[in-house]
PDB file of all heavy atoms in Angstrom:
ATOM      1  N   ALA A   1     -61.828  -1.007  19.474  1.00  0.00           N
ATOM      2  CA  ALA A   1     -60.514  -1.404  18.930  1.00  0.00           C
ATOM      3  C   ALA A   1     -60.438  -2.920  18.839  1.00  0.00           C
ATOM      4  O   ALA A   1     -60.742  -3.600  19.856  1.00  0.00           O
ATOM      5  CB  ALA A   1     -59.384  -0.846  19.799  1.00  0.00           C
ATOM      6  N   VAL A   2     -60.051  -3.456  17.689  1.00  0.00           N
ATOM      7  CA  VAL A   2     -59.993  -4.909  17.535  1.00  0.00           C
ATOM      8  C   VAL A   2     -58.637  -5.409  17.038  1.00  0.00           C
ATOM      9  O   VAL A   2     -58.437  -6.627  16.943  1.00  0.00           O
ATOM     10  CB  VAL A   2     -61.122  -5.415  16.609  1.00  0.00           C
ATOM     11  CG1 VAL A   2     -62.492  -5.168  17.225  1.00  0.00           C
ATOM     12  CG2 VAL A   2     -61.041  -4.736  15.225  1.00  0.00           C
ATOM     13  N   MET A   3     -57.715  -4.489  16.746  1.00  0.00           N
ATOM     14  CA  MET A   3     -56.334  -4.898  16.445  1.00  0.00           C
ATOM     15  C   MET A   3     -55.403  -3.813  16.957  1.00  0.00           C
ATOM     16  O   MET A   3     -55.587  -2.630  16.629  1.00  0.00           O
ATOM     17  CB  MET A   3     -56.104  -5.118  14.954  1.00  0.00           C
ATOM     18  CG  MET A   3     -54.692  -5.568  14.595  1.00  0.00           C
ATOM     19  SD  MET A   3     -54.507  -6.025  12.848  1.00  0.00           S
ATOM     20  CE  MET A   3     -52.763  -6.504  12.852  1.00  0.00           C
ATOM     21  N   VAL A   4     -54.435  -4.201  17.773  1.00  0.00           N
ATOM     22  CA  VAL A   4     -53.547  -3.231  18.404  1.00  0.00           C
ATOM     23  C   VAL A   4     -52.133  -3.776  18.359  1.00  0.00           C
ATOM     24  O   VAL A   4     -51.894  -4.981  18.222  1.00  0.00           O
ATOM     25  CB  VAL A   4     -53.946  -2.943  19.868  1.00  0.00           C
ATOM     26  CG1 VAL A   4     -55.326  -2.281  19.966  1.00  0.00           C
ATOM     27  CG2 VAL A   4     -53.942  -4.238  20.709  1.00  0.00           C
ATOM     28  N   ARG A   5     -51.167  -2.836  18.515  1.00  0.00           N
ATOM     29  CA  ARG A   5     -49.766  -3.241  18.533  1.00  0.00           C
ATOM     30  C   ARG A   5     -48.992  -2.285  19.444  1.00  0.00           C
ATOM     31  O   ARG A   5     -49.235  -1.085  19.482  1.00  0.00           O
ATOM     32  CB  ARG A   5     -49.168  -3.186  17.137  1.00  0.00           C
ATOM     33  CG  ARG A   5     -47.694  -3.644  17.076  1.00  0.00           C
ATOM     34  CD  ARG A   5     -47.215  -3.839  15.671  1.00  0.00           C
ATOM     35  NE  ARG A   5     -47.295  -2.609  14.918  1.00  0.00           N
ATOM     36  CZ  ARG A   5     -47.510  -2.553  13.586  1.00  0.00           C
ATOM     37  NH1 ARG A   5     -47.668  -3.639  12.903  1.00  0.00           N
ATOM     38  NH2 ARG A   5     -47.567  -1.385  12.960  1.00  0.00           N
ATOM     39  N   SER A   6     -48.083  -2.856  20.200  1.00  0.00           N
ATOM     40  CA  SER A   6     -47.191  -2.082  21.037  1.00  0.00           C
ATOM     41  C   SER A   6     -45.840  -2.749  20.970  1.00  0.00           C
ATOM     42  O   SER A   6     -45.650  -3.879  21.492  1.00  0.00           O
ATOM     43  CB  SER A   6     -47.697  -2.041  22.493  1.00  0.00           C
ATOM     44  OG  SER A   6     -46.790  -1.332  23.297  1.00  0.00           O
ATOM     45  N   GLY A   7     -44.871  -2.053  20.323  1.00  0.00           N
ATOM     46  CA  GLY A   7     -43.531  -2.658  20.193  1.00  0.00           C
ATOM     47  C   GLY A   7     -43.574  -3.970  19.489  1.00  0.00           C
ATOM     48  O   GLY A   7     -44.065  -4.091  18.359  1.00  0.00           O
ATOM     49  N   ARG A   8     -43.123  -5.035  20.138  1.00  0.00           N
ATOM     50  CA  ARG A   8     -43.066  -6.351  19.560  1.00  0.00           C
ATOM     51  C   ARG A   8     -44.254  -7.231  19.914  1.00  0.00           C
ATOM     52  O   ARG A   8     -44.202  -8.464  19.825  1.00  0.00           O
ATOM     53  CB  ARG A   8     -41.767  -7.051  19.994  1.00  0.00           C
ATOM     54  CG  ARG A   8     -40.509  -6.470  19.293  1.00  0.00           C
ATOM     55  CD  ARG A   8     -39.218  -7.113  19.794  1.00  0.00           C
ATOM     56  NE  ARG A   8     -38.795  -6.529  21.076  1.00  0.00           N
ATOM     57  CZ  ARG A   8     -38.970  -7.125  22.264  1.00  0.00           C
ATOM     58  NH1 ARG A   8     -39.519  -8.295  22.335  1.00  0.00           N
ATOM     59  NH2 ARG A   8     -38.554  -6.529  23.353  1.00  0.00           N
ATOM     60  N   VAL A   9     -45.346  -6.606  20.347  1.00  0.00           N
ATOM     61  CA  VAL A   9     -46.582  -7.354  20.714  1.00  0.00           C
ATOM     62  C   VAL A   9     -47.755  -6.841  19.878  1.00  0.00           C
ATOM     63  O   VAL A   9     -48.078  -5.685  19.868  1.00  0.00           O
ATOM     64  CB  VAL A   9     -46.884  -7.190  22.230  1.00  0.00           C
ATOM     65  CG1 VAL A   9     -48.137  -7.965  22.572  1.00  0.00           C
ATOM     66  CG2 VAL A   9     -45.708  -7.649  23.080  1.00  0.00           C
ATOM     67  N   THR A  10     -48.388  -7.797  19.163  1.00  0.00           N
ATOM     68  CA  THR A  10     -49.568  -7.484  18.353  1.00  0.00           C
ATOM     69  C   THR A  10     -50.716  -8.362  18.831  1.00  0.00           C
ATOM     70  O   THR A  10     -50.502  -9.503  19.240  1.00  0.00           O
ATOM     71  CB  THR A  10     -49.320  -7.779  16.859  1.00  0.00           C
ATOM     72  OG1 THR A  10     -48.173  -7.014  16.424  1.00  0.00           O
ATOM     73  CG2 THR A  10     -50.510  -7.461  16.007  1.00  0.00           C
ATOM     74  N   ALA A  11     -51.939  -7.790  18.817  1.00  0.00           N
ATOM     75  CA  ALA A  11     -53.095  -8.571  19.221  1.00  0.00           C
ATOM     76  C   ALA A  11     -54.261  -8.274  18.311  1.00  0.00           C
ATOM     77  O   ALA A  11     -54.518  -7.092  17.982  1.00  0.00           O
ATOM     78  CB  ALA A  11     -53.477  -8.246  20.678  1.00  0.00           C
ATOM     79  N   THR A  12     -54.977  -9.302  17.873  1.00  0.00           N
ATOM     80  CA  THR A  12     -56.183  -9.144  17.095  1.00  0.00           C
ATOM     81  C   THR A  12     -57.337  -9.860  17.793  1.00  0.00           C
ATOM     82  O   THR A  12     -57.189 -10.984  18.252  1.00  0.00           O
ATOM     83  CB  THR A  12     -56.005  -9.724  15.666  1.00  0.00           C
ATOM     84  OG1 THR A  12     -55.525 -11.061  15.759  1.00  0.00           O
ATOM     85  CG2 THR A  12     -55.039  -8.924  14.876  1.00  0.00           C
ATOM     86  N   ALA A  13     -58.487  -9.193  17.833  1.00  0.00           N
ATOM     87  CA  ALA A  13     -59.676  -9.769  18.459  1.00  0.00           C
ATOM     88  C   ALA A  13     -60.306 -10.824  17.583  1.00  0.00           C
ATOM     89  O   ALA A  13     -61.041 -11.692  18.039  1.00  0.00           O
ATOM     90  CB  ALA A  13     -60.702  -8.691  18.775  1.00  0.00           C
ATOM     91  N   PHE A  14     -60.031 -10.776  16.278  1.00  0.00           N
ATOM     92  CA  PHE A  14     -60.618 -11.672  15.294  1.00  0.00           C
ATOM     93  C   PHE A  14     -59.690 -12.808  14.957  1.00  0.00           C
ATOM     94  O   PHE A  14     -58.596 -12.918  15.505  1.00  0.00           O
ATOM     95  CB  PHE A  14     -61.078 -10.924  14.068  1.00  0.00           C
ATOM     96  CG  PHE A  14     -60.013 -10.006  13.469  1.00  0.00           C
ATOM     97  CD1 PHE A  14     -59.207 -10.481  12.440  1.00  0.00           C
ATOM     98  CD2 PHE A  14     -59.816  -8.724  13.917  1.00  0.00           C
ATOM     99  CE1 PHE A  14     -58.219  -9.664  11.888  1.00  0.00           C
ATOM    100  CE2 PHE A  14     -58.865  -7.894  13.375  1.00  0.00           C
ATOM    101  CZ  PHE A  14     -58.052  -8.371  12.359  1.00  0.00           C
ATOM    102  N   HIS A  15     -60.114 -13.661  13.997  1.00  0.00           N
ATOM    103  CA  HIS A  15     -59.387 -14.888  13.638  1.00  0.00           C
ATOM    104  C   HIS A  15     -58.840 -14.787  12.231  1.00  0.00           C
ATOM    105  O   HIS A  15     -59.473 -15.267  11.262  1.00  0.00           O
ATOM    106  CB  HIS A  15     -60.297 -16.093  13.735  1.00  0.00           C
ATOM    107  CG  HIS A  15     -60.660 -16.528  15.100  1.00  0.00           C
ATOM    108  ND1 HIS A  15     -59.960 -17.486  15.781  1.00  0.00           N
ATOM    109  CD2 HIS A  15     -61.679 -16.123  15.918  1.00  0.00           C
ATOM    110  CE1 HIS A  15     -60.506 -17.668  17.001  1.00  0.00           C
ATOM    111  NE2 HIS A  15     -61.548 -16.855  17.069  1.00  0.00           N
ATOM    112  N   PRO A  16     -57.675 -14.214  12.023  1.00  0.00           N
ATOM    113  CA  PRO A  16     -57.105 -14.144  10.644  1.00  0.00           C
ATOM    114  C   PRO A  16     -56.728 -15.512  10.079  1.00  0.00           C
ATOM    115  O   PRO A  16     -56.594 -15.649   8.879  1.00  0.00           O
ATOM    116  CB  PRO A  16     -55.898 -13.240  10.802  1.00  0.00           C
ATOM    117  CG  PRO A  16     -55.513 -13.328  12.236  1.00  0.00           C
ATOM    118  CD  PRO A  16     -56.796 -13.528  12.988  1.00  0.00           C
ATOM    119  N   GLU A  17     -56.566 -16.493  10.953  1.00  0.00           N
ATOM    120  CA  GLU A  17     -56.177 -17.843  10.491  1.00  0.00           C
ATOM    121  C   GLU A  17     -57.320 -18.576   9.836  1.00  0.00           C
ATOM    122  O   GLU A  17     -57.140 -19.604   9.185  1.00  0.00           O
ATOM    123  CB  GLU A  17     -55.622 -18.636  11.638  1.00  0.00           C
ATOM    124  CG  GLU A  17     -56.603 -19.203  12.643  1.00  0.00           C
ATOM    125  CD  GLU A  17     -57.077 -18.172  13.668  1.00  0.00           C
ATOM    126  OE1 GLU A  17     -56.738 -16.969  13.549  1.00  0.00           O
ATOM    127  OE2 GLU A  17     -57.802 -18.563  14.592  1.00  0.00           O
ATOM    128  N   LEU A  18     -58.579 -18.053   9.990  1.00  0.00           N
ATOM    129  CA  LEU A  18     -59.741 -18.742   9.448  1.00  0.00           C
ATOM    130  C   LEU A  18     -60.174 -18.193   8.095  1.00  0.00           C
ATOM    131  O   LEU A  18     -61.313 -18.412   7.659  1.00  0.00           O
ATOM    132  CB  LEU A  18     -60.913 -18.663  10.435  1.00  0.00           C
ATOM    133  CG  LEU A  18     -60.634 -19.325  11.793  1.00  0.00           C
ATOM    134  CD1 LEU A  18     -61.900 -19.241  12.677  1.00  0.00           C
ATOM    135  CD2 LEU A  18     -60.178 -20.762  11.643  1.00  0.00           C
ATOM    136  N   THR A  19     -59.273 -17.467   7.443  1.00  0.00           N
ATOM    137  CA  THR A  19     -59.514 -16.961   6.069  1.00  0.00           C
ATOM    138  C   THR A  19     -58.275 -17.285   5.243  1.00  0.00           C
ATOM    139  O   THR A  19     -57.198 -17.397   5.781  1.00  0.00           O
ATOM    140  CB  THR A  19     -59.749 -15.438   6.123  1.00  0.00           C
ATOM    141  OG1 THR A  19     -59.726 -14.920   4.780  1.00  0.00           O
ATOM    142  CG2 THR A  19     -58.704 -14.731   6.918  1.00  0.00           C
ATOM    143  N   PRO A  20     -58.476 -17.463   3.912  1.00  0.00           N
ATOM    144  CA  PRO A  20     -57.293 -17.723   3.074  1.00  0.00           C
ATOM    145  C   PRO A  20     -56.389 -16.503   2.882  1.00  0.00           C
ATOM    146  O   PRO A  20     -55.299 -16.669   2.351  1.00  0.00           O
ATOM    147  CB  PRO A  20     -57.910 -18.153   1.737  1.00  0.00           C
ATOM    148  CG  PRO A  20     -59.304 -17.578   1.729  1.00  0.00           C
ATOM    149  CD  PRO A  20     -59.720 -17.585   3.181  1.00  0.00           C
ATOM    150  N   ASP A  21     -56.805 -15.357   3.333  1.00  0.00           N
ATOM    151  CA  ASP A  21     -56.017 -14.141   3.223  1.00  0.00           C
ATOM    152  C   ASP A  21     -54.825 -14.214   4.205  1.00  0.00           C
ATOM    153  O   ASP A  21     -55.031 -14.241   5.414  1.00  0.00           O
ATOM    154  CB  ASP A  21     -56.899 -12.925   3.519  1.00  0.00           C
ATOM    155  CG  ASP A  21     -56.233 -11.576   3.199  1.00  0.00           C
ATOM    156  OD1 ASP A  21     -54.977 -11.532   3.135  1.00  0.00           O
ATOM    157  OD2 ASP A  21     -56.935 -10.605   2.993  1.00  0.00           O
ATOM    158  N   VAL A  22     -53.627 -14.230   3.699  1.00  0.00           N
ATOM    159  CA  VAL A  22     -52.426 -14.414   4.567  1.00  0.00           C
ATOM    160  C   VAL A  22     -51.676 -13.108   4.804  1.00  0.00           C
ATOM    161  O   VAL A  22     -50.556 -13.118   5.299  1.00  0.00           O
ATOM    162  CB  VAL A  22     -51.468 -15.460   3.952  1.00  0.00           C
ATOM    163  CG1 VAL A  22     -52.122 -16.842   3.932  1.00  0.00           C
ATOM    164  CG2 VAL A  22     -50.994 -15.037   2.579  1.00  0.00           C
ATOM    165  N   ARG A  23     -52.300 -11.982   4.510  1.00  0.00           N
ATOM    166  CA  ARG A  23     -51.565 -10.704   4.604  1.00  0.00           C
ATOM    167  C   ARG A  23     -51.135 -10.362   6.032  1.00  0.00           C
ATOM    168  O   ARG A  23     -50.045  -9.835   6.232  1.00  0.00           O
ATOM    169  CB  ARG A  23     -52.396  -9.567   4.020  1.00  0.00           C
ATOM    170  CG  ARG A  23     -52.484  -9.615   2.505  1.00  0.00           C
ATOM    171  CD  ARG A  23     -53.340  -8.477   1.968  1.00  0.00           C
ATOM    172  NE  ARG A  23     -54.731  -8.632   2.379  1.00  0.00           N
ATOM    173  CZ  ARG A  23     -55.638  -7.657   2.335  1.00  0.00           C
ATOM    174  NH1 ARG A  23     -55.283  -6.441   1.883  1.00  0.00           N
ATOM    175  NH2 ARG A  23     -56.890  -7.870   2.701  1.00  0.00           N
ATOM    176  N   LEU A  24     -51.968 -10.682   7.006  1.00  0.00           N
ATOM    177  CA  LEU A  24     -51.583 -10.374   8.400  1.00  0.00           C
ATOM    178  C   LEU A  24     -50.470 -11.315   8.874  1.00  0.00           C
ATOM    179  O   LEU A  24     -49.584 -10.942   9.631  1.00  0.00           O
ATOM    180  CB  LEU A  24     -52.775 -10.425   9.321  1.00  0.00           C
ATOM    181  CG  LEU A  24     -53.808  -9.339   9.126  1.00  0.00           C
ATOM    182  CD1 LEU A  24     -54.876  -9.412  10.207  1.00  0.00           C
ATOM    183  CD2 LEU A  24     -53.177  -7.953   9.100  1.00  0.00           C
TER     184      LEU A  24
END
């Protein structure tokens, strides 16, 4: 598992900020 969410807490193991894709 590399992206999880519980209520108001989300966590990603990867770096979405290092890509131009802003969907997350």
